[in-house]
C-alpha atoms as a PDB file:
ATOM      1  CA  MET A   1       0.005   0.126   0.107  1.00  0.00           C
ATOM      2  CA  SER A   2       0.928   3.280  -0.948  1.00  0.00           C
ATOM      3  CA  LEU A   3       1.893   6.333   2.197  1.00  0.00           C
ATOM      4  CA  PHE A   4      -1.190   7.797   0.534  1.00  0.00           C
ATOM      5  CA  GLY A   5      -3.066   4.752   0.751  1.00  0.00           C
ATOM      6  CA  SER A   6      -2.203   4.491   3.947  1.00  0.00           C
ATOM      7  CA  LEU A   7      -2.513   7.982   5.295  1.00  0.00           C
ATOM      8  CA  PHE A   8      -5.986   8.476   3.845  1.00  0.00           C
ATOM      9  CA  GLY A   9      -7.511   4.425   4.888  1.00  0.00           C
ATOM     10  CA  LYS A  10      -7.373   3.669   1.446  1.00  0.00           C
ATOM     11  CA  LYS A  11      -7.092  -0.482   0.909  1.00  0.00           C
ATOM     12  CA  THR A  12      -6.006  -2.544  -1.622  1.00  0.00           C
ATOM     13  CA  PRO A  13      -9.548  -4.079  -3.610  1.00  0.00           C
ATOM     14  CA  PRO A  14      -9.530  -8.108  -2.400  1.00  0.00           C
ATOM     15  CA  ILE A  15      -8.348 -10.830  -4.861  1.00  0.00           C
ATOM     16  CA  GLN A  16     -10.002 -13.687  -6.478  1.00  0.00           C
ATOM     17  CA  CYS A  17      -8.943 -16.516  -3.871  1.00  0.00           C
ATOM     18  CA  PRO A  18      -6.085 -18.666  -5.235  1.00  0.00           C
ATOM     19  CA  ARG A  19      -7.448 -21.466  -3.172  1.00  0.00           C
ATOM     20  CA  CYS A  20     -10.965 -21.745  -4.616  1.00  0.00           C
ATOM     21  CA  LEU A  21     -10.394 -19.657  -7.745  1.00  0.00           C
ATOM     22  CA  GLY A  22     -12.732 -17.202  -6.601  1.00  0.00           C
ATOM     23  CA  LYS A  23     -15.833 -19.479  -6.217  1.00  0.00           C
ATOM     24  CA  GLY A  24     -16.054 -20.237  -2.589  1.00  0.00           C
ATOM     25  CA  HIS A  25     -15.366 -23.419  -2.020  1.00  0.00           C
ATOM     26  CA  VAL A  26     -12.698 -26.135  -3.179  1.00  0.00           C
ATOM     27  CA  ASP A  27     -13.797 -28.984  -5.551  1.00  0.00           C
ATOM     28  CA  SER A  28     -11.828 -31.649  -6.566  1.00  0.00           C
ATOM     29  CA  ASP A  29     -10.015 -30.228  -9.372  1.00  0.00           C
ATOM     30  CA  ASP A  30      -8.664 -27.190  -6.822  1.00  0.00           C
ATOM     31  CA  ILE A  31      -7.847 -29.784  -4.331  1.00  0.00           C
ATOM     32  CA  LYS A  32      -6.076 -32.271  -7.528  1.00  0.00           C
ATOM     33  CA  ARG A  33      -4.361 -28.794  -8.856  1.00  0.00           C
ATOM     34  CA  LEU A  34      -2.632 -28.068  -5.017  1.00  0.00           C
ATOM     35  CA  ASN A  35      -1.775 -31.547  -4.938  1.00  0.00           C
ATOM     36  CA  LYS A  36      -3.990 -32.263  -1.417  1.00  0.00           C
ATOM     37  CA  GLU A  37      -5.835 -35.140  -2.976  1.00  0.00           C
ATOM     38  CA  LEU A  38      -5.842 -37.296   0.478  1.00  0.00           C
ATOM     39  CA  LYS A  39      -5.481 -34.405   2.759  1.00  0.00           C
ATOM     40  CA  TRP A  40      -8.611 -32.281   2.236  1.00  0.00           C
ATOM     41  CA  GLN A  41     -12.123 -32.870   1.189  1.00  0.00           C
ATOM     42  CA  PRO A  42     -14.456 -30.678  -0.972  1.00  0.00           C
ATOM     43  CA  GLY A  43     -16.652 -28.030   0.523  1.00  0.00           C
ATOM     44  CA  SER A  44     -16.155 -24.926   1.504  1.00  0.00           C
ATOM     45  CA  CYS A  45     -12.450 -22.895   1.277  1.00  0.00           C
ATOM     46  CA  ALA A  46     -10.967 -22.365   4.462  1.00  0.00           C
ATOM     47  CA  TYR A  47      -8.720 -19.691   2.815  1.00  0.00           C
ATOM     48  CA  CYS A  48     -10.844 -17.385   2.009  1.00  0.00           C
ATOM     49  CA  GLU A  49     -14.090 -18.376   4.157  1.00  0.00           C
ATOM     50  CA  GLY A  50     -16.337 -19.081   1.277  1.00  0.00           C
ATOM     51  CA  SER A  51     -16.187 -15.805   0.058  1.00  0.00           C
ATOM     52  CA  GLY A  52     -14.276 -16.498  -3.075  1.00  0.00           C
ATOM     53  CA  LYS A  53     -11.977 -13.140  -1.927  1.00  0.00           C
ATOM     54  CA  VAL A  54      -9.153 -12.462  -0.239  1.00  0.00           C
ATOM     55  CA  ASP A  55      -6.858  -9.428   0.510  1.00  0.00           C
ATOM     56  CA  PRO A  56      -3.664  -9.597  -1.243  1.00  0.00           C
ATOM     57  CA  ASP A  57      -1.531  -9.378   1.620  1.00  0.00           C
ATOM     58  CA  MET A  58      -3.103 -13.195   2.802  1.00  0.00           C
ATOM     59  CA  LEU A  59      -0.572 -14.469  -0.384  1.00  0.00           C
ATOM     60  CA  ASN A  60       2.161 -12.913   2.150  1.00  0.00           C
ATOM     61  CA  LYS A  61       0.859 -14.953   5.395  1.00  0.00           C
ATOM     62  CA  ILE A  62      -0.243 -17.983   4.483  1.00  0.00           C
ATOM     63  CA  ALA A  63       0.755 -20.740   1.322  1.00  0.00           C
ATOM     64  CA  VAL A  64      -2.488 -21.395  -0.027  1.00  0.00           C
ATOM     65  CA  ASP A  65      -1.494 -24.755  -0.282  1.00  0.00           C
ATOM     66  CA  GLU A  66      -0.897 -24.902   3.627  1.00  0.00           C
ATOM     67  CA  ALA A  67      -2.782 -28.848   4.562  1.00  0.00           C
ATOM     68  CA  TYR A  68      -3.456 -27.256   7.735  1.00  0.00           C
ATOM     69  CA  LEU A  69      -5.712 -24.134   6.863  1.00  0.00           C
ATOM     70  CA  THR A  70      -9.078 -25.848   6.637  1.00  0.00           C
ATOM     71  CA  THR A  71     -12.885 -25.485   7.919  1.00  0.00           C
ATOM     72  CA  ASP A  72     -12.235 -28.176  10.385  1.00  0.00           C
ATOM     73  CA  LEU A  73     -10.111 -24.937  12.120  1.00  0.00           C
ATOM     74  CA  SER A  74     -11.502 -22.646  14.834  1.00  0.00           C
ATOM     75  CA  LYS A  75     -11.587 -19.027  13.956  1.00  0.00           C
ATOM     76  CA  GLU A  76      -9.056 -18.614  16.541  1.00  0.00           C
ATOM     77  CA  GLU A  77      -6.537 -21.298  15.524  1.00  0.00           C
ATOM     78  CA  ARG A  78      -7.235 -20.319  11.906  1.00  0.00           C
ATOM     79  CA  GLN A  79      -6.373 -16.451  12.487  1.00  0.00           C
ATOM     80  CA  ARG A  80      -3.277 -18.114  14.972  1.00  0.00           C
ATOM     81  CA  VAL A  81      -2.409 -19.760  11.565  1.00  0.00           C
ATOM     82  CA  ILE A  82      -2.479 -16.703   9.171  1.00  0.00           C
ATOM     83  CA  ASP A  83      -0.456 -15.244  12.348  1.00  0.00           C
ATOM     84  CA  ASN A  84       2.144 -17.040  11.457  1.00  0.00           C
ATOM     85  CA  ASP A  85       2.050 -18.190  15.416  1.00  0.00           C
ATOM     86  CA  ALA A  86       5.109 -20.628  16.175  1.00  0.00           C
ATOM     87  CA  GLU A  87       2.496 -23.253  18.397  1.00  0.00           C
ATOM     88  CA  ALA A  88      -0.255 -23.318  15.715  1.00  0.00           C
ATOM     89  CA  LEU A  89       2.244 -24.015  13.159  1.00  0.00           C
ATOM     90  CA  GLU A  90       4.177 -26.347  15.408  1.00  0.00           C
ATOM     91  CA  ARG A  91       0.708 -27.872  15.074  1.00  0.00           C
ATOM     92  CA  GLY A  92       0.354 -27.238  11.189  1.00  0.00           C
ATOM     93  CA  ARG A  93       3.353 -28.831  10.717  1.00  0.00           C
ATOM     94  CA  ILE A  94       2.534 -32.223  13.519  1.00  0.00           C
ATOM     95  CA  PHE A  95      -0.812 -33.016  11.509  1.00  0.00           C
ATOM     96  CA  GLU A  96       1.349 -33.253   8.043  1.00  0.00           C
ATOM     97  CA  GLU A  97       3.702 -35.425   9.339  1.00  0.00           C
ATOM     98  CA  GLU A  98       0.780 -37.391  11.149  1.00  0.00           C
ATOM     99  CA  THR A  99      -1.350 -37.527   7.692  1.00  0.00           C
ATOM    100  CA  ASN A 100       1.641 -38.548   5.993  1.00  0.00           C
ATOM    101  CA  ARG A 101       2.613 -41.290   8.291  1.00  0.00           C
ATOM    102  CA  PHE A 102      -0.939 -42.505   8.396  1.00  0.00           C
ATOM    103  CA  ILE A 103      -0.792 -42.625   4.652  1.00  0.00           C
ATOM    104  CA  ARG A 104       2.729 -44.158   4.070  1.00  0.00           C
ATOM    105  CA  GLU A 105       1.192 -46.621   6.634  1.00  0.00           C
ATOM    106  CA  ILE A 106      -2.002 -47.592   4.667  1.00  0.00           C
ATOM    107  CA  ASN A 107      -0.049 -48.554   1.795  1.00  0.00           C
ATOM    108  CA  PHE A 108       2.278 -50.590   3.786  1.00  0.00           C
ATOM    109  CA  LEU A 109      -0.457 -52.405   5.263  1.00  0.00           C
ATOM    110  CA  HIS A 110      -2.053 -53.009   1.455  1.00  0.00           C
ATOM    111  CA  TYR A 111       1.300 -53.558  -0.315  1.00  0.00           C
ATOM    112  CA  ILE A 112       3.774 -55.013   1.537  1.00  0.00           C
ATOM    113  CA  GLY A 113       1.060 -56.593   4.192  1.00  0.00           C
ATOM    114  CA  LYS A 114      -1.048 -57.700   1.428  1.00  0.00           C
ATOM    115  CA  LEU A 115      -4.119 -55.769   3.603  1.00  0.00           C
ATOM    116  CA  ASP A 116      -7.711 -54.913   1.504  1.00  0.00           C
ATOM    117  CA  ALA A 117      -9.511 -51.865   2.655  1.00  0.00           C
ATOM    118  CA  ASP A 118     -11.965 -54.332   4.258  1.00  0.00           C
ATOM    119  CA  LYS A 119      -8.964 -55.093   6.958  1.00  0.00           C
ATOM    120  CA  ILE A 120      -7.327 -51.748   6.860  1.00  0.00           C
ATOM    121  CA  SER A 121     -10.092 -50.233   8.588  1.00  0.00           C
ATOM    122  CA  GLU A 122     -10.676 -52.851  10.652  1.00  0.00           C
ATOM    123  CA  PHE A 123      -7.384 -52.957  11.526  1.00  0.00           C
ATOM    124  CA  TYR A 124      -7.897 -49.127  12.847  1.00  0.00           C
ATOM    125  CA  LEU A 125     -10.871 -49.675  13.905  1.00  0.00           C
ATOM    126  CA  ILE A 126     -10.006 -52.066  16.924  1.00  0.00           C
ATOM    127  CA  ALA A 127      -9.939 -49.218  19.263  1.00  0.00           C
ATOM    128  CA  ARG A 128     -12.725 -47.649  18.692  1.00  0.00           C
ATOM    129  CA  PHE A 129     -14.842 -51.036  18.450  1.00  0.00           C
ATOM    130  CA  ALA A 130     -13.136 -51.859  22.037  1.00  0.00           C
ATOM    131  CA  GLU A 131     -14.609 -48.377  22.820  1.00  0.00           C
ATOM    132  CA  LYS A 132     -18.302 -49.732  22.617  1.00  0.00           C
ATOM    133  CA  LEU A 133     -18.698 -47.522  19.582  1.00  0.00           C
ATOM    134  CA  ASP A 134     -22.555 -48.607  18.231  1.00  0.00           C
ATOM    135  CA  GLY A 135     -22.836 -50.735  15.880  1.00  0.00           C
ATOM    136  CA  LYS A 136     -24.418 -47.940  13.417  1.00  0.00           C
ATOM    137  CA  MET A 137     -22.193 -45.491  14.313  1.00  0.00           C
ATOM    138  CA  TYR A 138     -19.067 -47.752  13.963  1.00  0.00           C
ATOM    139  CA  GLU A 139     -20.341 -49.077   9.971  1.00  0.00           C
ATOM    140  CA  GLN A 140     -20.332 -45.272   9.066  1.00  0.00           C
ATOM    141  CA  GLU A 141     -16.806 -44.958  10.376  1.00  0.00           C
ATOM    142  CA  LYS A 142     -15.757 -48.014   8.335  1.00  0.00           C
ATOM    143  CA  LYS A 143     -17.165 -47.177   5.612  1.00  0.00           C
ATOM    144  CA  GLU A 144     -15.219 -44.080   5.522  1.00  0.00           C
ATOM    145  CA  LEU A 145     -11.797 -45.002   6.180  1.00  0.00           C
ATOM    146  CA  ILE A 146     -13.067 -47.868   3.490  1.00  0.00           C
ATOM    147  CA  ASP A 147     -13.141 -45.355   1.148  1.00  0.00           C
ATOM    148  CA  TYR A 148     -10.398 -42.929   2.166  1.00  0.00           C
ATOM    149  CA  VAL A 149      -8.154 -46.537   2.083  1.00  0.00           C
ATOM    150  CA  ASN A 150      -9.225 -46.672  -1.910  1.00  0.00           C
ATOM    151  CA  ARG A 151      -8.317 -43.468  -2.515  1.00  0.00           C
ATOM    152  CA  VAL A 152      -5.155 -44.063  -0.830  1.00  0.00           C
ATOM    153  CA  ILE A 153      -4.522 -47.343  -2.512  1.00  0.00           C
ATOM    154  CA  ALA A 154      -5.908 -45.535  -6.301  1.00  0.00           C
ATOM    155  CA  LEU A 155      -3.635 -42.151  -6.180  1.00  0.00           C
ATOM    156  CA  ASN A 156      -0.537 -44.556  -5.232  1.00  0.00           C
ATOM    157  CA  ASN A 157      -1.329 -47.366  -7.686  1.00  0.00           C
ATOM    158  CA  SER A 158      -1.652 -44.447 -10.071  1.00  0.00           C
ATOM    159  CA  GLN A 159       2.094 -42.821  -9.574  1.00  0.00           C
ATOM    160  CA  LEU A 160       3.192 -46.460  -9.874  1.00  0.00           C
ATOM    161  CA  ASN A 161       1.615 -45.960 -13.503  1.00  0.00           C
END
């Protein structure tokens, strides 16, 4: 912003959100373009908070493809991430690391352990089942996990070919 603009409060107009390309929501094409296929799901854009527009300064504060900046974050945590708060950034680093570890484990269980998606999901849900998760909730979680495991396997297969 120029000195003149800052003196008289003239702000730079918002720009099209580079994450969702101004749509206000992230779709599968955006997810693929940003290489977050196993880390995000389609939905409201967390970068622009669904508005389709961002302040140009946002681009200097946080990467468009920051995996941790999702709609699951509280407003406070979102702001901490944008403000480059050290603890929030560490939580983001851990989130990314844990997600990558989980993906590697799924690939190991499938390709080395020769388990299919159903067996892998049962493996991860054993602890939940032991907590006496009710049958309907267990089946829903299992279905979602099987879908995710299949996406991990499919993406890995496409990268191998």
